Amino acid sequence: MLPPAEAALHKEEFIRKVRGRQQLKVVRRTVQLIERDHPLLYDLEKDWFETLGKLKARRTKAQPVRSGTGEVEWSYYSPLVVFGVIVMVRILLVLMR
């Protein structure tokens, strides 16, 4: 579990990286699944999930990221990975109680 200040930074970064309607759809579906299948987890992070539900698509294109080898990689899924990690940590914490 992260300290609140550090968690807030990761959440802000996640929001900045969510672009386009397709990513937004995936995020909203994930939030709906968590609300339906894991209500305790949803209650722990209700404000965060509601914020995600209010996000709007931005019209900017995804920017390529250069790896250490100089190859261009598209980081389309990186916001989803961060979101998934946060969710999984929360689920584990709830299950450990």
Protein backbone atom coordinates (compact mmCIF):
# COMPACT_ATOMS: atom_id res chain seq x y z
CA MET A 1 0.00 0.00 0.00
CA LEU A 2 1.32 3.41 -0.93
CA PRO A 3 1.34 6.50 1.26
CA PRO A 4 -1.54 8.81 0.27
CA ALA A 5 0.73 11.42 -1.36
CA GLU A 6 2.50 8.84 -3.50
CA ALA A 7 -0.78 7.14 -4.45
CA ALA A 8 -2.18 10.53 -5.52
CA LEU A 9 0.81 11.06 -7.82
CA HIS A 10 0.26 7.67 -9.47
CA LYS A 11 -3.45 8.38 -9.87
CA GLU A 12 -2.74 11.75 -11.50
CA GLU A 13 -0.24 10.13 -13.84
CA PHE A 14 -2.79 7.47 -14.76
CA ILE A 15 -5.40 10.13 -15.58
CA ARG A 16 -2.89 12.03 -17.74
CA LYS A 17 -2.09 8.89 -19.72
CA VAL A 18 -5.69 7.89 -20.46
CA ARG A 19 -6.35 9.16 -23.97
CA GLY A 20 -8.93 8.45 -26.57
CA ARG A 21 -12.33 6.88 -26.47
CA GLN A 22 -11.11 3.29 -26.63
CA GLN A 23 -8.93 3.56 -23.53
CA LEU A 24 -11.67 5.45 -21.74
CA LYS A 25 -14.14 2.68 -22.57
CA VAL A 26 -11.80 0.07 -21.11
CA VAL A 27 -11.31 2.11 -17.93
CA ARG A 28 -15.07 2.60 -17.49
CA ARG A 29 -15.80 -1.08 -18.07
CA THR A 30 -13.13 -2.03 -15.55
CA VAL A 31 -14.63 0.32 -12.97
CA GLN A 32 -18.09 -1.19 -13.57
CA LEU A 33 -16.70 -4.71 -13.14
CA ILE A 34 -14.99 -3.76 -9.90
CA GLU A 35 -18.17 -2.14 -8.61
CA ARG A 36 -20.20 -5.24 -9.48
CA ASP A 37 -17.75 -8.00 -8.54
CA HIS A 38 -15.76 -6.38 -5.70
CA PRO A 39 -18.04 -3.95 -3.85
CA LEU A 40 -15.74 -3.74 -0.81
CA LEU A 41 -12.82 -2.70 -2.98
CA TYR A 42 -15.03 -0.23 -4.83
CA ASP A 43 -16.09 1.32 -1.51
CA LEU A 44 -12.43 1.74 -0.47
CA GLU A 45 -11.64 3.77 -3.59
CA LYS A 46 -15.11 5.10 -4.44
CA ASP A 47 -13.93 8.70 -4.99
CA TRP A 48 -11.17 7.53 -7.33
CA PHE A 49 -13.49 5.29 -9.33
CA GLU A 50 -16.08 8.07 -9.62
CA THR A 51 -13.36 10.40 -10.89
CA LEU A 52 -12.43 7.82 -13.53
CA GLY A 53 -16.07 7.58 -14.54
CA LYS A 54 -16.19 11.33 -15.19
CA LEU A 55 -13.11 11.43 -17.44
CA LYS A 56 -13.58 12.68 -20.97
CA ALA A 57 -11.66 11.60 -24.03
CA ARG A 58 -8.91 13.88 -25.24
CA ARG A 59 -8.15 14.34 -28.90
CA THR A 60 -4.40 14.04 -28.63
CA LYS A 61 -2.59 11.18 -30.31
CA ALA A 62 -0.50 8.69 -28.37
CA GLN A 63 3.16 9.62 -28.51
CA PRO A 64 5.80 7.00 -29.26
CA VAL A 65 8.25 6.15 -26.51
CA ARG A 66 11.88 5.37 -27.34
CA SER A 67 13.31 2.36 -25.56
CA GLY A 68 16.94 2.04 -24.48
CA THR A 69 17.68 0.26 -27.77
CA GLY A 70 16.31 3.16 -29.81
CA GLU A 71 13.25 1.24 -30.95
CA VAL A 72 9.90 3.01 -30.85
CA GLU A 73 7.35 1.43 -28.53
CA TRP A 74 3.73 2.51 -28.15
CA SER A 75 2.67 2.76 -24.52
CA TYR A 76 -1.06 2.26 -25.13
CA TYR A 77 -1.54 -0.14 -22.24
CA SER A 78 0.71 1.52 -19.65
CA PRO A 79 -2.15 3.44 -17.95
CA LEU A 80 -4.11 0.20 -17.75
CA VAL A 81 -1.14 -1.56 -16.19
CA VAL A 82 -0.85 1.09 -13.47
CA PHE A 83 -4.60 0.91 -12.86
CA GLY A 84 -4.47 -2.89 -12.75
CA VAL A 85 -1.61 -2.87 -10.24
CA ILE A 86 -3.47 -0.46 -7.95
CA VAL A 87 -6.60 -2.60 -8.14
CA MET A 88 -4.74 -5.85 -7.50
CA VAL A 89 -2.96 -4.42 -4.45
CA ARG A 90 -6.28 -3.26 -3.05
CA ILE A 91 -7.89 -6.67 -3.65
CA LEU A 92 -5.00 -8.40 -1.90
CA LEU A 93 -5.30 -6.05 1.07
CA VAL A 94 -9.03 -6.74 1.37
CA LEU A 95 -8.52 -10.49 1.10
CA MET A 96 -5.76 -10.48 3.75
CA ARG A 97 -8.10 -9.07 6.40
